[in-house]
Amino acid sequence: MNPKDLTVIEHIEELRKRLFIVAVFFVLAMAGAFFVAKPLVKYLQTTGAKYNIELHAFDVVTPLAIYIQVVFLIAFILSSPVLMYQLWSFISPGLREVERRATLSYIPYSFLLFIAGLSFSYFLLFPYVIKFMMNLSNDLDIQQTIGIHEYFTFLFKLTIPFGFLFQLPIVVLFFSRIGKLSPDLLIRIRKYSYFGLFVCAALIAPPELASHLMVSVPLFILYEISIMISRVGYRKYLKSEEIRLKEEQEAEQKRQIEEALEQQRRQIEELNNQ
């Protein structure tokens, strides 16, 4: 059966199967993450240790909660390529062959951009924010007692959103490649997009100007890169549309010629039968 001809129930069943596959890979990734989570938790504390931050647990279950959160984060990162592939497989029947091949190649780049977003926020932004906050506490003669739960909550809040925000070029390329987005539209809505990104930066960064700029400026740069990428994707879309229209015209001309030949053949047969 052609996937395009599936009923709503069959689409739901197809989606259920793909979600089941993602769930299986996520569970397997969690099993592997249990072996990686402990050294990773220790490593993530090193940024605080550089500034003499002592992390404390204020209840018995906090270390376990942090450990499980890190396990889930590792499992999500490891299974994200499978999630993206299953999502692509679900929507790919609605795409043309050339679009399916092109969009499939986006999956590894999407994963790399997610890792790049995490790396940028952890290695560049997070140390700066920690240093600023500790210096401010010293200037105000405030002795901070930081809980490990609060430390990791702040770390995740600052880093994980960047993994998703760094997907912007891939998302723009995908929609440009299928003709749903154009570089001209991105340019027209630039000021509104900047405002939206500025709001996102305000939600992520601490309420301090330098940190806000460190978050918002890379997002603005990402948007400009997305416009350049959109030009490439939209140009390929226009080229594929031109080829598609040409093939349809050739097919229609061929059909008309075959109909004319068939009609001529019938006329000849009728004359022969008289």
C-alpha atoms as a PDB file:
ATOM      1  CA  MET A   1       0.000   0.000   0.000  1.00  0.00           C
ATOM      2  CA  ASN A   2       1.185   3.494  -0.802  1.00  0.00           C
ATOM      3  CA  PRO A   3       1.999   5.317   2.473  1.00  0.00           C
ATOM      4  CA  LYS A   4       0.244   8.380   1.079  1.00  0.00           C
ATOM      5  CA  ASP A   5      -3.024   6.413   0.914  1.00  0.00           C
ATOM      6  CA  LEU A   6      -3.053   5.378   4.592  1.00  0.00           C
ATOM      7  CA  THR A   7      -6.156   6.169   6.635  1.00  0.00           C
ATOM      8  CA  VAL A   8      -6.087   8.196   9.848  1.00  0.00           C
ATOM      9  CA  ILE A   9      -6.178   5.000  11.944  1.00  0.00           C
ATOM     10  CA  GLU A  10      -3.313   3.534   9.927  1.00  0.00           C
ATOM     11  CA  HIS A  11      -1.316   6.750  10.381  1.00  0.00           C
ATOM     12  CA  ILE A  12      -1.863   6.551  14.138  1.00  0.00           C
ATOM     13  CA  GLU A  13      -0.771   2.915  14.128  1.00  0.00           C
ATOM     14  CA  GLU A  14       2.328   3.842  12.119  1.00  0.00           C
ATOM     15  CA  LEU A  15       3.120   6.613  14.601  1.00  0.00           C
ATOM     16  CA  ARG A  16       2.640   4.199  17.515  1.00  0.00           C
ATOM     17  CA  LYS A  17       5.131   1.742  16.002  1.00  0.00           C
ATOM     18  CA  ARG A  18       7.729   4.443  15.506  1.00  0.00           C
ATOM     19  CA  LEU A  19       7.265   5.779  19.041  1.00  0.00           C
ATOM     20  CA  PHE A  20       7.714   2.224  20.320  1.00  0.00           C
ATOM     21  CA  ILE A  21      11.028   1.952  18.453  1.00  0.00           C
ATOM     22  CA  VAL A  22      12.163   5.262  19.962  1.00  0.00           C
ATOM     23  CA  ALA A  23      11.129   4.059  23.435  1.00  0.00           C
ATOM     24  CA  VAL A  24      13.126   0.831  23.035  1.00  0.00           C
ATOM     25  CA  PHE A  25      16.262   2.719  21.991  1.00  0.00           C
ATOM     26  CA  PHE A  26      15.735   5.194  24.845  1.00  0.00           C
ATOM     27  CA  VAL A  27      15.598   2.356  27.394  1.00  0.00           C
ATOM     28  CA  LEU A  28      18.757   0.813  25.916  1.00  0.00           C
ATOM     29  CA  ALA A  29      20.453   4.220  26.023  1.00  0.00           C
ATOM     30  CA  MET A  30      19.420   4.576  29.678  1.00  0.00           C
ATOM     31  CA  ALA A  31      21.015   1.228  30.468  1.00  0.00           C
ATOM     32  CA  GLY A  32      24.284   2.451  28.970  1.00  0.00           C
ATOM     33  CA  ALA A  33      23.931   5.887  30.585  1.00  0.00           C
ATOM     34  CA  PHE A  34      24.066   4.400  34.074  1.00  0.00           C
ATOM     35  CA  PHE A  35      27.730   3.603  33.458  1.00  0.00           C
ATOM     36  CA  VAL A  36      28.535   7.107  32.193  1.00  0.00           C
ATOM     37  CA  ALA A  37      26.436   9.247  34.545  1.00  0.00           C
ATOM     38  CA  LYS A  38      28.680   8.955  37.621  1.00  0.00           C
ATOM     39  CA  PRO A  39      31.907  10.272  36.005  1.00  0.00           C
ATOM     40  CA  LEU A  40      29.870  12.895  34.135  1.00  0.00           C
ATOM     41  CA  VAL A  41      28.295  14.203  37.349  1.00  0.00           C
ATOM     42  CA  LYS A  42      31.775  14.525  38.844  1.00  0.00           C
ATOM     43  CA  TYR A  43      33.052  16.274  35.720  1.00  0.00           C
ATOM     44  CA  LEU A  44      30.159  18.769  35.648  1.00  0.00           C
ATOM     45  CA  GLN A  45      31.058  19.844  39.158  1.00  0.00           C
ATOM     46  CA  THR A  46      34.563  20.911  38.082  1.00  0.00           C
ATOM     47  CA  THR A  47      33.422  24.339  36.864  1.00  0.00           C
ATOM     48  CA  GLY A  48      32.133  25.139  40.326  1.00  0.00           C
ATOM     49  CA  ALA A  49      35.247  23.692  41.937  1.00  0.00           C
ATOM     50  CA  LYS A  50      37.423  26.133  39.968  1.00  0.00           C
ATOM     51  CA  TYR A  51      35.755  28.953  41.912  1.00  0.00           C
ATOM     52  CA  ASN A  52      35.893  27.149  45.261  1.00  0.00           C
ATOM     53  CA  ILE A  53      32.208  26.317  45.234  1.00  0.00           C
ATOM     54  CA  GLU A  54      31.304  23.558  47.636  1.00  0.00           C
ATOM     55  CA  LEU A  55      28.133  21.748  46.647  1.00  0.00           C
ATOM     56  CA  HIS A  56      25.816  20.475  49.348  1.00  0.00           C
ATOM     57  CA  ALA A  57      22.865  18.100  49.406  1.00  0.00           C
ATOM     58  CA  PHE A  58      20.102  19.313  51.722  1.00  0.00           C
ATOM     59  CA  ASP A  59      18.168  16.054  51.788  1.00  0.00           C
ATOM     60  CA  VAL A  60      18.849  12.358  51.434  1.00  0.00           C
ATOM     61  CA  VAL A  61      17.421  11.791  47.931  1.00  0.00           C
ATOM     62  CA  THR A  62      19.077  14.756  46.164  1.00  0.00           C
ATOM     63  CA  PRO A  63      22.186  12.824  44.968  1.00  0.00           C
ATOM     64  CA  LEU A  64      19.942  10.106  43.520  1.00  0.00           C
ATOM     65  CA  ALA A  65      17.707  12.708  41.827  1.00  0.00           C
ATOM     66  CA  ILE A  66      20.740  14.377  40.212  1.00  0.00           C
ATOM     67  CA  TYR A  67      22.079  10.999  39.112  1.00  0.00           C
ATOM     68  CA  ILE A  68      18.740  10.038  37.477  1.00  0.00           C
ATOM     69  CA  GLN A  69      18.443  13.436  35.754  1.00  0.00           C
ATOM     70  CA  VAL A  70      21.894  13.025  34.209  1.00  0.00           C
ATOM     71  CA  VAL A  71      21.011   9.470  33.139  1.00  0.00           C
ATOM     72  CA  PHE A  72      17.884  10.760  31.382  1.00  0.00           C
ATOM     73  CA  LEU A  73      19.856  13.558  29.712  1.00  0.00           C
ATOM     74  CA  ILE A  74      22.504  11.154  28.389  1.00  0.00           C
ATOM     75  CA  ALA A  75      19.827   8.713  27.193  1.00  0.00           C
ATOM     76  CA  PHE A  76      17.984  11.513  25.404  1.00  0.00           C
ATOM     77  CA  ILE A  77      21.143  12.703  23.634  1.00  0.00           C
ATOM     78  CA  LEU A  78      22.129   9.175  22.596  1.00  0.00           C
ATOM     79  CA  SER A  79      18.646   8.279  21.325  1.00  0.00           C
ATOM     80  CA  SER A  80      17.965  11.621  19.625  1.00  0.00           C
ATOM     81  CA  PRO A  81      19.305  10.468  16.209  1.00  0.00           C
ATOM     82  CA  VAL A  82      16.855   7.534  16.353  1.00  0.00           C
ATOM     83  CA  LEU A  83      14.060   9.938  17.299  1.00  0.00           C
ATOM     84  CA  MET A  84      14.896  12.226  14.373  1.00  0.00           C
ATOM     85  CA  TYR A  85      15.146   9.290  11.949  1.00  0.00           C
ATOM     86  CA  GLN A  86      11.761   7.922  13.022  1.00  0.00           C
ATOM     87  CA  LEU A  87      10.242  11.383  12.693  1.00  0.00           C
ATOM     88  CA  TRP A  88      11.747  11.667   9.211  1.00  0.00           C
ATOM     89  CA  SER A  89      10.429   8.206   8.293  1.00  0.00           C
ATOM     90  CA  PHE A  90       6.941   9.198   9.411  1.00  0.00           C
ATOM     91  CA  ILE A  91       6.773  12.386   7.337  1.00  0.00           C
ATOM     92  CA  SER A  92       8.923  11.287   4.384  1.00  0.00           C
ATOM     93  CA  PRO A  93       6.053   9.634   2.413  1.00  0.00           C
ATOM     94  CA  GLY A  94       4.662  13.127   1.917  1.00  0.00           C
ATOM     95  CA  LEU A  95       7.917  14.277   0.319  1.00  0.00           C
ATOM     96  CA  ARG A  96       9.240  13.732  -3.167  1.00  0.00           C
ATOM     97  CA  GLU A  97      12.180  11.379  -3.692  1.00  0.00           C
ATOM     98  CA  VAL A  98      14.739  14.176  -4.059  1.00  0.00           C
ATOM     99  CA  GLU A  99      13.416  15.829  -0.882  1.00  0.00           C
ATOM    100  CA  ARG A 100      13.556  12.556   1.048  1.00  0.00           C
ATOM    101  CA  ARG A 101      17.211  12.023   0.143  1.00  0.00           C
ATOM    102  CA  ALA A 102      18.114  15.607   1.000  1.00  0.00           C
ATOM    103  CA  THR A 103      16.305  15.795   4.342  1.00  0.00           C
ATOM    104  CA  LEU A 104      17.657  12.420   5.487  1.00  0.00           C
ATOM    105  CA  SER A 105      21.165  13.872   5.375  1.00  0.00           C
ATOM    106  CA  TYR A 106      20.114  16.578   7.873  1.00  0.00           C
ATOM    107  CA  ILE A 107      19.886  14.124  10.795  1.00  0.00           C
ATOM    108  CA  PRO A 108      23.631  13.870  11.628  1.00  0.00           C
ATOM    109  CA  TYR A 109      24.019  17.640  11.238  1.00  0.00           C
ATOM    110  CA  SER A 110      21.099  18.198  13.601  1.00  0.00           C
ATOM    111  CA  PHE A 111      22.749  15.954  16.189  1.00  0.00           C
ATOM    112  CA  LEU A 112      26.080  17.769  15.812  1.00  0.00           C
ATOM    113  CA  LEU A 113      24.385  21.154  16.187  1.00  0.00           C
ATOM    114  CA  PHE A 114      22.691  19.967  19.364  1.00  0.00           C
ATOM    115  CA  ILE A 115      26.070  18.956  20.793  1.00  0.00           C
ATOM    116  CA  ALA A 116      27.553  22.271  19.604  1.00  0.00           C
ATOM    117  CA  GLY A 117      24.824  24.193  21.436  1.00  0.00           C
ATOM    118  CA  LEU A 118      25.474  22.283  24.656  1.00  0.00           C
ATOM    119  CA  SER A 119      29.227  22.772  24.297  1.00  0.00           C
ATOM    120  CA  PHE A 120      28.930  26.510  23.627  1.00  0.00           C
ATOM    121  CA  SER A 121      26.754  27.119  26.663  1.00  0.00           C
ATOM    122  CA  TYR A 122      28.778  24.885  29.002  1.00  0.00           C
ATOM    123  CA  PHE A 123      32.333  25.851  28.046  1.00  0.00           C
ATOM    124  CA  LEU A 124      31.784  29.558  27.300  1.00  0.00           C
ATOM    125  CA  LEU A 125      28.611  30.884  28.896  1.00  0.00           C
ATOM    126  CA  PHE A 126      28.305  28.830  32.080  1.00  0.00           C
ATOM    127  CA  PRO A 127      31.837  29.555  33.450  1.00  0.00           C
ATOM    128  CA  TYR A 128      31.361  33.271  32.800  1.00  0.00           C
ATOM    129  CA  VAL A 129      28.053  33.334  34.660  1.00  0.00           C
ATOM    130  CA  ILE A 130      29.462  31.373  37.591  1.00  0.00           C
ATOM    131  CA  LYS A 131      32.480  33.688  37.814  1.00  0.00           C
ATOM    132  CA  PHE A 132      30.263  36.784  37.662  1.00  0.00           C
ATOM    133  CA  MET A 133      27.924  35.501  40.366  1.00  0.00           C
ATOM    134  CA  MET A 134      30.772  34.527  42.694  1.00  0.00           C
ATOM    135  CA  ASN A 135      32.514  37.877  42.230  1.00  0.00           C
ATOM    136  CA  LEU A 136      29.240  39.658  42.935  1.00  0.00           C
ATOM    137  CA  SER A 137      28.775  37.629  46.124  1.00  0.00           C
ATOM    138  CA  ASN A 138      32.294  38.506  47.274  1.00  0.00           C
ATOM    139  CA  ASP A 139      31.745  42.190  46.539  1.00  0.00           C
ATOM    140  CA  LEU A 140      28.547  42.130  48.623  1.00  0.00           C
ATOM    141  CA  ASP A 141      30.196  40.062  51.385  1.00  0.00           C
ATOM    142  CA  ILE A 142      27.669  37.275  50.896  1.00  0.00           C
ATOM    143  CA  GLN A 143      28.719  33.758  51.792  1.00  0.00           C
ATOM    144  CA  GLN A 144      26.939  31.412  49.401  1.00  0.00           C
ATOM    145  CA  THR A 145      25.888  27.922  50.409  1.00  0.00           C
ATOM    146  CA  ILE A 146      24.986  26.238  47.141  1.00  0.00           C
ATOM    147  CA  GLY A 147      22.997  23.044  46.949  1.00  0.00           C
ATOM    148  CA  ILE A 148      23.934  20.505  44.302  1.00  0.00           C
ATOM    149  CA  HIS A 149      20.294  20.395  43.191  1.00  0.00           C
ATOM    150  CA  GLU A 150      20.277  24.154  42.587  1.00  0.00           C
ATOM    151  CA  TYR A 151      23.657  23.963  40.840  1.00  0.00           C
ATOM    152  CA  PHE A 152      22.569  21.309  38.356  1.00  0.00           C
ATOM    153  CA  THR A 153      19.142  22.900  37.856  1.00  0.00           C
ATOM    154  CA  PHE A 154      20.860  26.161  36.915  1.00  0.00           C
ATOM    155  CA  LEU A 155      23.341  24.276  34.700  1.00  0.00           C
ATOM    156  CA  PHE A 156      20.594  22.435  32.813  1.00  0.00           C
ATOM    157  CA  LYS A 157      18.477  25.571  32.456  1.00  0.00           C
ATOM    158  CA  LEU A 158      21.416  27.411  30.915  1.00  0.00           C
ATOM    159  CA  THR A 159      22.780  24.686  28.624  1.00  0.00           C
ATOM    160  CA  ILE A 160      19.964  22.428  27.362  1.00  0.00           C
ATOM    161  CA  PRO A 161      17.920  25.208  25.657  1.00  0.00           C
ATOM    162  CA  PHE A 162      20.988  26.044  23.560  1.00  0.00           C
ATOM    163  CA  GLY A 163      21.004  22.510  22.185  1.00  0.00           C
ATOM    164  CA  PHE A 164      17.510  23.114  20.789  1.00  0.00           C
ATOM    165  CA  LEU A 165      18.115  26.711  19.722  1.00  0.00           C
ATOM    166  CA  PHE A 166      21.138  25.617  17.698  1.00  0.00           C
ATOM    167  CA  GLN A 167      18.709  23.533  15.594  1.00  0.00           C
ATOM    168  CA  LEU A 168      17.459  26.731  13.965  1.00  0.00           C
ATOM    169  CA  PRO A 169      19.606  26.449  10.776  1.00  0.00           C
ATOM    170  CA  ILE A 170      18.510  22.831  10.200  1.00  0.00           C
ATOM    171  CA  VAL A 171      14.825  23.653  10.763  1.00  0.00           C
ATOM    172  CA  VAL A 172      15.055  26.612   8.390  1.00  0.00           C
ATOM    173  CA  LEU A 173      16.890  24.516   5.784  1.00  0.00           C
ATOM    174  CA  PHE A 174      14.277  21.761   5.994  1.00  0.00           C
ATOM    175  CA  PHE A 175      11.307  24.087   5.447  1.00  0.00           C
ATOM    176  CA  SER A 176      13.167  26.006   2.744  1.00  0.00           C
ATOM    177  CA  ARG A 177      14.023  22.751   0.975  1.00  0.00           C
ATOM    178  CA  ILE A 178      10.329  21.773   0.763  1.00  0.00           C
ATOM    179  CA  GLY A 179       9.249  25.272  -0.221  1.00  0.00           C
ATOM    180  CA  LYS A 180       7.448  26.236   2.991  1.00  0.00           C
ATOM    181  CA  LEU A 181       9.927  28.970   3.860  1.00  0.00           C
ATOM    182  CA  SER A 182      11.876  31.461   1.761  1.00  0.00           C
ATOM    183  CA  PRO A 183      14.837  33.734   2.529  1.00  0.00           C
ATOM    184  CA  ASP A 184      12.741  36.752   1.560  1.00  0.00           C
ATOM    185  CA  LEU A 185      10.211  35.870   4.259  1.00  0.00           C
ATOM    186  CA  LEU A 186      12.970  35.446   6.840  1.00  0.00           C
ATOM    187  CA  ILE A 187      14.330  38.868   5.939  1.00  0.00           C
ATOM    188  CA  ARG A 188      10.872  40.470   6.187  1.00  0.00           C
ATOM    189  CA  ILE A 189      10.240  39.032   9.650  1.00  0.00           C
ATOM    190  CA  ARG A 190      13.807  39.608  10.877  1.00  0.00           C
ATOM    191  CA  LYS A 191      12.909  42.257  13.459  1.00  0.00           C
ATOM    192  CA  TYR A 192      10.118  40.091  14.900  1.00  0.00           C
ATOM    193  CA  SER A 193      12.436  37.091  14.974  1.00  0.00           C
ATOM    194  CA  TYR A 194      15.104  39.124  16.738  1.00  0.00           C
ATOM    195  CA  PHE A 195      12.565  40.154  19.335  1.00  0.00           C
ATOM    196  CA  GLY A 196      11.546  36.514  19.863  1.00  0.00           C
ATOM    197  CA  LEU A 197      15.170  35.434  20.203  1.00  0.00           C
ATOM    198  CA  PHE A 198      15.803  38.329  22.574  1.00  0.00           C
ATOM    199  CA  VAL A 199      12.933  37.117  24.763  1.00  0.00           C
ATOM    200  CA  CYS A 200      14.330  33.573  24.647  1.00  0.00           C
ATOM    201  CA  ALA A 201      17.714  34.915  25.741  1.00  0.00           C
ATOM    202  CA  ALA A 202      16.045  36.757  28.625  1.00  0.00           C
ATOM    203  CA  LEU A 203      14.425  33.507  29.778  1.00  0.00           C
ATOM    204  CA  ILE A 204      17.710  31.583  29.592  1.00  0.00           C
ATOM    205  CA  ALA A 205      20.319  34.063  30.802  1.00  0.00           C
ATOM    206  CA  PRO A 206      20.584  35.534  34.300  1.00  0.00           C
ATOM    207  CA  PRO A 207      19.199  39.072  34.742  1.00  0.00           C
ATOM    208  CA  GLU A 208      22.495  40.738  33.882  1.00  0.00           C
ATOM    209  CA  LEU A 209      23.368  42.635  30.698  1.00  0.00           C
ATOM    210  CA  ALA A 210      26.656  40.940  29.779  1.00  0.00           C
ATOM    211  CA  SER A 211      25.200  37.438  30.197  1.00  0.00           C
ATOM    212  CA  HIS A 212      22.117  38.466  28.231  1.00  0.00           C
ATOM    213  CA  LEU A 213      24.285  39.699  25.372  1.00  0.00           C
ATOM    214  CA  MET A 214      26.376  36.511  25.468  1.00  0.00           C
ATOM    215  CA  VAL A 215      23.165  34.562  24.897  1.00  0.00           C
ATOM    216  CA  SER A 216      21.321  36.834  22.476  1.00  0.00           C
ATOM    217  CA  VAL A 217      24.200  37.756  20.116  1.00  0.00           C
ATOM    218  CA  PRO A 218      24.959  34.100  19.160  1.00  0.00           C
ATOM    219  CA  LEU A 219      21.228  33.600  18.536  1.00  0.00           C
ATOM    220  CA  PHE A 220      21.157  36.619  16.220  1.00  0.00           C
ATOM    221  CA  ILE A 221      24.199  35.232  14.396  1.00  0.00           C
ATOM    222  CA  LEU A 222      22.456  31.868  14.092  1.00  0.00           C
ATOM    223  CA  TYR A 223      19.453  33.604  12.535  1.00  0.00           C
ATOM    224  CA  GLU A 224      21.627  35.344   9.945  1.00  0.00           C
ATOM    225  CA  ILE A 225      23.339  32.026   9.165  1.00  0.00           C
ATOM    226  CA  SER A 226      19.887  30.496   8.800  1.00  0.00           C
ATOM    227  CA  ILE A 227      18.985  33.118   6.188  1.00  0.00           C
ATOM    228  CA  MET A 228      22.089  32.229   4.158  1.00  0.00           C
ATOM    229  CA  ILE A 229      21.315  28.522   4.480  1.00  0.00           C
ATOM    230  CA  SER A 230      17.716  29.200   3.472  1.00  0.00           C
ATOM    231  CA  ARG A 231      18.924  30.750   0.220  1.00  0.00           C
ATOM    232  CA  VAL A 232      20.730  27.526  -0.635  1.00  0.00           C
ATOM    233  CA  GLY A 233      17.795  25.303   0.319  1.00  0.00           C
ATOM    234  CA  TYR A 234      15.199  27.448  -1.434  1.00  0.00           C
ATOM    235  CA  ARG A 235      17.319  27.617  -4.579  1.00  0.00           C
ATOM    236  CA  LYS A 236      17.427  23.815  -4.637  1.00  0.00           C
ATOM    237  CA  TYR A 237      13.673  23.723  -4.090  1.00  0.00           C
ATOM    238  CA  LEU A 238      13.067  26.026  -7.071  1.00  0.00           C
ATOM    239  CA  LYS A 239      15.371  23.896  -9.211  1.00  0.00           C
ATOM    240  CA  SER A 240      13.579  20.683  -8.225  1.00  0.00           C
ATOM    241  CA  GLU A 241      10.221  22.355  -8.889  1.00  0.00           C
ATOM    242  CA  GLU A 242      11.423  23.379 -12.337  1.00  0.00           C
ATOM    243  CA  ILE A 243      12.484  19.802 -13.047  1.00  0.00           C
ATOM    244  CA  ARG A 244       9.167  18.463 -11.715  1.00  0.00           C
ATOM    245  CA  LEU A 245       7.113  20.816 -13.877  1.00  0.00           C
ATOM    246  CA  LYS A 246       9.210  19.914 -16.912  1.00  0.00           C
ATOM    247  CA  GLU A 247       8.689  16.202 -16.257  1.00  0.00           C
ATOM    248  CA  GLU A 248       4.948  16.742 -15.837  1.00  0.00           C
ATOM    249  CA  GLN A 249       4.798  18.680 -19.122  1.00  0.00           C
ATOM    250  CA  GLU A 250       6.743  15.953 -20.906  1.00  0.00           C
ATOM    251  CA  ALA A 251       4.458  13.301 -19.407  1.00  0.00           C
ATOM    252  CA  GLU A 252       1.383  15.250 -20.475  1.00  0.00           C
ATOM    253  CA  GLN A 253       2.751  15.690 -24.002  1.00  0.00           C
ATOM    254  CA  LYS A 254       3.543  11.977 -24.161  1.00  0.00           C
ATOM    255  CA  ARG A 255       0.025  11.151 -22.997  1.00  0.00           C
ATOM    256  CA  GLN A 256      -1.501  13.430 -25.629  1.00  0.00           C
ATOM    257  CA  ILE A 257       0.652  11.877 -28.363  1.00  0.00           C
ATOM    258  CA  GLU A 258      -0.337   8.376 -27.251  1.00  0.00           C
ATOM    259  CA  GLU A 259      -4.018   9.355 -27.240  1.00  0.00           C
ATOM    260  CA  ALA A 260      -3.663  10.846 -30.721  1.00  0.00           C
ATOM    261  CA  LEU A 261      -1.917   7.691 -32.002  1.00  0.00           C
ATOM    262  CA  GLU A 262      -4.549   5.497 -30.365  1.00  0.00           C
ATOM    263  CA  GLN A 263      -7.342   7.536 -31.943  1.00  0.00           C
ATOM    264  CA  GLN A 264      -5.619   7.362 -35.308  1.00  0.00           C
ATOM    265  CA  ARG A 265      -5.254   3.594 -34.935  1.00  0.00           C
ATOM    266  CA  ARG A 266      -8.957   3.197 -34.198  1.00  0.00           C
ATOM    267  CA  GLN A 267      -9.856   5.324 -37.208  1.00  0.00           C
ATOM    268  CA  ILE A 268      -7.653   3.155 -39.436  1.00  0.00           C
ATOM    269  CA  GLU A 269      -9.260  -0.008 -38.057  1.00  0.00           C
ATOM    270  CA  GLU A 270     -12.730   1.424 -38.689  1.00  0.00           C
ATOM    271  CA  LEU A 271     -11.782   2.231 -42.279  1.00  0.00           C
ATOM    272  CA  ASN A 272     -10.399  -1.260 -42.797  1.00  0.00           C
ATOM    273  CA  ASN A 273     -13.593  -2.820 -41.426  1.00  0.00           C
ATOM    274  CA  GLN A 274     -15.818  -0.938 -43.888  1.00  0.00           C
END
